[in-house]
Amino acid sequence: MMPEAFYESMWGFYLLGSLLFIPGAHYTYIAYQAYYETPGYTYDDIPIMN
């Protein structure tokens, strides 16, 4: 059995994981559509982070 403090600290990881997963999934979808040349999607839609 895990201590109660372990379960309470997991909410931060769930929140962080959600915040990172959502934009990643969005840009993966754009890249997928651009790869298959779907009209309206290009690789230029994905911002370049410097």
PDB file of N, CA and C in Angstrom:
ATOM      1  N   MET A   1       0.842  -1.182   0.000  1.00  0.00           N
ATOM      2  CA  MET A   1       0.000   0.000   0.000  1.00  0.00           C
ATOM      3  C   MET A   1       0.887   1.245   0.000  1.00  0.00           C
ATOM      4  N   MET A   2       0.461   2.221  -0.747  1.00  0.00           N
ATOM      5  CA  MET A   2       1.200   3.479  -0.833  1.00  0.00           C
ATOM      6  C   MET A   2       0.715   4.442   0.245  1.00  0.00           C
ATOM      7  N   PRO A   3       1.606   5.297   0.732  1.00  0.00           N
ATOM      8  CA  PRO A   3       1.177   6.285   1.722  1.00  0.00           C
ATOM      9  C   PRO A   3       0.228   7.310   1.101  1.00  0.00           C
ATOM     10  N   GLU A   4      -0.606   7.905   1.934  1.00  0.00           N
ATOM     11  CA  GLU A   4      -1.606   8.872   1.467  1.00  0.00           C
ATOM     12  C   GLU A   4      -0.951  10.075   0.783  1.00  0.00           C
ATOM     13  N   ALA A   5       0.206  10.507   1.260  1.00  0.00           N
ATOM     14  CA  ALA A   5       0.890  11.667   0.667  1.00  0.00           C
ATOM     15  C   ALA A   5       1.272  11.395  -0.788  1.00  0.00           C
ATOM     16  N   PHE A   6       1.541  10.150  -1.128  1.00  0.00           N
ATOM     17  CA  PHE A   6       1.884   9.807  -2.510  1.00  0.00           C
ATOM     18  C   PHE A   6       0.713  10.096  -3.439  1.00  0.00           C
ATOM     19  N   TYR A   7      -0.486   9.715  -3.034  1.00  0.00           N
ATOM     20  CA  TYR A   7      -1.660   9.933  -3.877  1.00  0.00           C
ATOM     21  C   TYR A   7      -1.983  11.415  -4.007  1.00  0.00           C
ATOM     22  N   GLU A   8      -1.763  12.172  -2.943  1.00  0.00           N
ATOM     23  CA  GLU A   8      -2.034  13.606  -3.005  1.00  0.00           C
ATOM     24  C   GLU A   8      -1.054  14.315  -3.928  1.00  0.00           C
ATOM     25  N   SER A   9       0.181  13.861  -3.979  1.00  0.00           N
ATOM     26  CA  SER A   9       1.173  14.518  -4.834  1.00  0.00           C
ATOM     27  C   SER A   9       0.999  14.145  -6.305  1.00  0.00           C
ATOM     28  N   MET A  10       0.247  13.124  -6.603  1.00  0.00           N
ATOM     29  CA  MET A  10       0.068  12.702  -7.992  1.00  0.00           C
ATOM     30  C   MET A  10      -0.773  13.686  -8.792  1.00  0.00           C
ATOM     31  N   TRP A  11      -1.609  14.501  -8.139  1.00  0.00           N
ATOM     32  CA  TRP A  11      -2.438  15.451  -8.870  1.00  0.00           C
ATOM     33  C   TRP A  11      -1.591  16.443  -9.651  1.00  0.00           C
ATOM     34  N   GLY A  12      -0.452  16.827  -9.105  1.00  0.00           N
ATOM     35  CA  GLY A  12       0.448  17.724  -9.828  1.00  0.00           C
ATOM     36  C   GLY A  12       0.977  17.086 -11.098  1.00  0.00           C
ATOM     37  N   PHE A  13       1.303  15.809 -11.021  1.00  0.00           N
ATOM     38  CA  PHE A  13       1.787  15.101 -12.211  1.00  0.00           C
ATOM     39  C   PHE A  13       0.679  14.931 -13.245  1.00  0.00           C
ATOM     40  N   TYR A  14      -0.537  14.683 -12.797  1.00  0.00           N
ATOM     41  CA  TYR A  14      -1.661  14.582 -13.734  1.00  0.00           C
ATOM     42  C   TYR A  14      -1.892  15.912 -14.441  1.00  0.00           C
ATOM     43  N   LEU A  15      -1.824  16.998 -13.689  1.00  0.00           N
ATOM     44  CA  LEU A  15      -2.016  18.322 -14.276  1.00  0.00           C
ATOM     45  C   LEU A  15      -0.901  18.640 -15.265  1.00  0.00           C
ATOM     46  N   LEU A  16       0.334  18.419 -14.869  1.00  0.00           N
ATOM     47  CA  LEU A  16       1.469  18.683 -15.750  1.00  0.00           C
ATOM     48  C   LEU A  16       1.407  17.812 -17.004  1.00  0.00           C
ATOM     49  N   GLY A  17       1.081  16.549 -16.843  1.00  0.00           N
ATOM     50  CA  GLY A  17       0.964  15.652 -17.989  1.00  0.00           C
ATOM     51  C   GLY A  17      -0.112  16.098 -18.961  1.00  0.00           C
ATOM     52  N   SER A  18      -1.239  16.553 -18.435  1.00  0.00           N
ATOM     53  CA  SER A  18      -2.323  17.036 -19.291  1.00  0.00           C
ATOM     54  C   SER A  18      -1.907  18.291 -20.044  1.00  0.00           C
ATOM     55  N   LEU A  19      -1.228  19.196 -19.336  1.00  0.00           N
ATOM     56  CA  LEU A  19      -0.810  20.442 -19.979  1.00  0.00           C
ATOM     57  C   LEU A  19       0.215  20.203 -21.078  1.00  0.00           C
ATOM     58  N   LEU A  20       1.009  19.171 -20.957  1.00  0.00           N
ATOM     59  CA  LEU A  20       2.004  18.870 -21.984  1.00  0.00           C
ATOM     60  C   LEU A  20       1.442  17.988 -23.097  1.00  0.00           C
ATOM     61  N   PHE A  21       0.494  17.125 -22.773  1.00  0.00           N
ATOM     62  CA  PHE A  21      -0.057  16.201 -23.767  1.00  0.00           C
ATOM     63  C   PHE A  21      -0.945  16.922 -24.777  1.00  0.00           C
ATOM     64  N   ILE A  22      -1.766  17.837 -24.314  1.00  0.00           N
ATOM     65  CA  ILE A  22      -2.756  18.476 -25.189  1.00  0.00           C
ATOM     66  C   ILE A  22      -2.094  19.224 -26.348  1.00  0.00           C
ATOM     67  N   PRO A  23      -1.122  20.126 -26.113  1.00  0.00           N
ATOM     68  CA  PRO A  23      -0.499  20.776 -27.277  1.00  0.00           C
ATOM     69  C   PRO A  23       0.307  19.811 -28.140  1.00  0.00           C
ATOM     70  N   GLY A  24       0.923  18.823 -27.521  1.00  0.00           N
ATOM     71  CA  GLY A  24       1.685  17.845 -28.293  1.00  0.00           C
ATOM     72  C   GLY A  24       0.793  17.057 -29.234  1.00  0.00           C
ATOM     73  N   ALA A  25      -0.368  16.661 -28.750  1.00  0.00           N
ATOM     74  CA  ALA A  25      -1.316  15.932 -29.591  1.00  0.00           C
ATOM     75  C   ALA A  25      -1.837  16.828 -30.715  1.00  0.00           C
ATOM     76  N   HIS A  26      -2.047  18.095 -30.412  1.00  0.00           N
ATOM     77  CA  HIS A  26      -2.548  19.037 -31.420  1.00  0.00           C
ATOM     78  C   HIS A  26      -1.545  19.196 -32.565  1.00  0.00           C
ATOM     79  N   TYR A  27      -0.276  19.408 -32.230  1.00  0.00           N
ATOM     80  CA  TYR A  27       0.740  19.591 -33.270  1.00  0.00           C
ATOM     81  C   TYR A  27       1.054  18.288 -33.992  1.00  0.00           C
ATOM     82  N   THR A  28       0.903  17.171 -33.327  1.00  0.00           N
ATOM     83  CA  THR A  28       1.062  15.885 -34.001  1.00  0.00           C
ATOM     84  C   THR A  28      -0.033  15.699 -35.043  1.00  0.00           C
ATOM     85  N   TYR A  29      -1.248  16.105 -34.707  1.00  0.00           N
ATOM     86  CA  TYR A  29      -2.364  16.026 -35.653  1.00  0.00           C
ATOM     87  C   TYR A  29      -2.089  16.910 -36.874  1.00  0.00           C
ATOM     88  N   ILE A  30      -1.596  18.128 -36.649  1.00  0.00           N
ATOM     89  CA  ILE A  30      -1.282  19.023 -37.768  1.00  0.00           C
ATOM     90  C   ILE A  30      -0.190  18.414 -38.642  1.00  0.00           C
ATOM     91  N   ALA A  31       0.859  17.861 -38.025  1.00  0.00           N
ATOM     92  CA  ALA A  31       1.946  17.243 -38.790  1.00  0.00           C
ATOM     93  C   ALA A  31       1.433  16.045 -39.587  1.00  0.00           C
ATOM     94  N   TYR A  32       0.544  15.262 -39.000  1.00  0.00           N
ATOM     95  CA  TYR A  32      -0.039  14.105 -39.692  1.00  0.00           C
ATOM     96  C   TYR A  32      -0.822  14.560 -40.922  1.00  0.00           C
ATOM     97  N   GLN A  33      -1.644  15.592 -40.752  1.00  0.00           N
ATOM     98  CA  GLN A  33      -2.440  16.089 -41.873  1.00  0.00           C
ATOM     99  C   GLN A  33      -1.545  16.698 -42.954  1.00  0.00           C
ATOM    100  N   ALA A  34      -0.487  17.391 -42.547  1.00  0.00           N
ATOM    101  CA  ALA A  34       0.434  17.977 -43.527  1.00  0.00           C
ATOM    102  C   ALA A  34       1.182  16.888 -44.280  1.00  0.00           C
ATOM    103  N   TYR A  35       1.554  15.822 -43.597  1.00  0.00           N
ATOM    104  CA  TYR A  35       2.269  14.718 -44.242  1.00  0.00           C
ATOM    105  C   TYR A  35       1.417  14.077 -45.336  1.00  0.00           C
ATOM    106  N   TYR A  36       0.123  13.910 -45.059  1.00  0.00           N
ATOM    107  CA  TYR A  36      -0.773  13.308 -46.042  1.00  0.00           C
ATOM    108  C   TYR A  36      -1.393  14.344 -46.978  1.00  0.00           C
ATOM    109  N   GLU A  37      -0.843  15.572 -46.948  1.00  0.00           N
ATOM    110  CA  GLU A  37      -1.211  16.647 -47.871  1.00  0.00           C
ATOM    111  C   GLU A  37      -2.704  16.943 -47.875  1.00  0.00           C
ATOM    112  N   THR A  38      -3.295  16.978 -46.713  1.00  0.00           N
ATOM    113  CA  THR A  38      -4.693  17.367 -46.573  1.00  0.00           C
ATOM    114  C   THR A  38      -4.803  18.861 -46.858  1.00  0.00           C
ATOM    115  N   PRO A  39      -5.746  19.278 -47.713  1.00  0.00           N
ATOM    116  CA  PRO A  39      -5.871  20.708 -48.010  1.00  0.00           C
ATOM    117  C   PRO A  39      -6.110  21.519 -46.732  1.00  0.00           C
ATOM    118  N   GLY A  40      -5.393  22.631 -46.626  1.00  0.00           N
ATOM    119  CA  GLY A  40      -5.539  23.499 -45.464  1.00  0.00           C
ATOM    120  C   GLY A  40      -4.506  23.263 -44.378  1.00  0.00           C
ATOM    121  N   TYR A  41      -3.683  22.224 -44.509  1.00  0.00           N
ATOM    122  CA  TYR A  41      -2.655  21.920 -43.508  1.00  0.00           C
ATOM    123  C   TYR A  41      -1.288  21.941 -44.169  1.00  0.00           C
ATOM    124  N   THR A  42      -0.355  22.664 -43.562  1.00  0.00           N
ATOM    125  CA  THR A  42       1.030  22.675 -44.026  1.00  0.00           C
ATOM    126  C   THR A  42       1.941  22.601 -42.809  1.00  0.00           C
ATOM    127  N   TYR A  43       3.192  22.296 -43.066  1.00  0.00           N
ATOM    128  CA  TYR A  43       4.165  22.271 -41.974  1.00  0.00           C
ATOM    129  C   TYR A  43       4.422  23.677 -41.431  1.00  0.00           C
ATOM    130  N   ASP A  44       4.069  24.698 -42.206  1.00  0.00           N
ATOM    131  CA  ASP A  44       4.225  26.076 -41.727  1.00  0.00           C
ATOM    132  C   ASP A  44       3.255  26.400 -40.596  1.00  0.00           C
ATOM    133  N   ASP A  45       2.232  25.585 -40.402  1.00  0.00           N
ATOM    134  CA  ASP A  45       1.277  25.798 -39.307  1.00  0.00           C
ATOM    135  C   ASP A  45       1.870  25.455 -37.947  1.00  0.00           C
ATOM    136  N   ILE A  46       2.988  24.744 -37.951  1.00  0.00           N
ATOM    137  CA  ILE A  46       3.641  24.365 -36.696  1.00  0.00           C
ATOM    138  C   ILE A  46       4.695  25.419 -36.380  1.00  0.00           C
ATOM    139  N   PRO A  47       4.593  26.089 -35.232  1.00  0.00           N
ATOM    140  CA  PRO A  47       5.569  27.141 -34.916  1.00  0.00           C
ATOM    141  C   PRO A  47       6.951  26.565 -34.641  1.00  0.00           C
ATOM    142  N   ILE A  48       7.967  27.341 -34.978  1.00  0.00           N
ATOM    143  CA  ILE A  48       9.355  26.958 -34.715  1.00  0.00           C
ATOM    144  C   ILE A  48       9.773  27.618 -33.412  1.00  0.00           C
ATOM    145  N   MET A  49      10.207  26.829 -32.466  1.00  0.00           N
ATOM    146  CA  MET A  49      10.653  27.345 -31.172  1.00  0.00           C
ATOM    147  C   MET A  49      12.167  27.470 -31.188  1.00  0.00           C
ATOM    148  N   ASN A  50      12.660  28.659 -30.953  1.00  0.00           N
ATOM    149  CA  ASN A  50      14.114  28.879 -30.910  1.00  0.00           C
ATOM    150  C   ASN A  50      14.586  29.005 -29.492  1.00  0.00           C
TER     151      ASN A  50
END
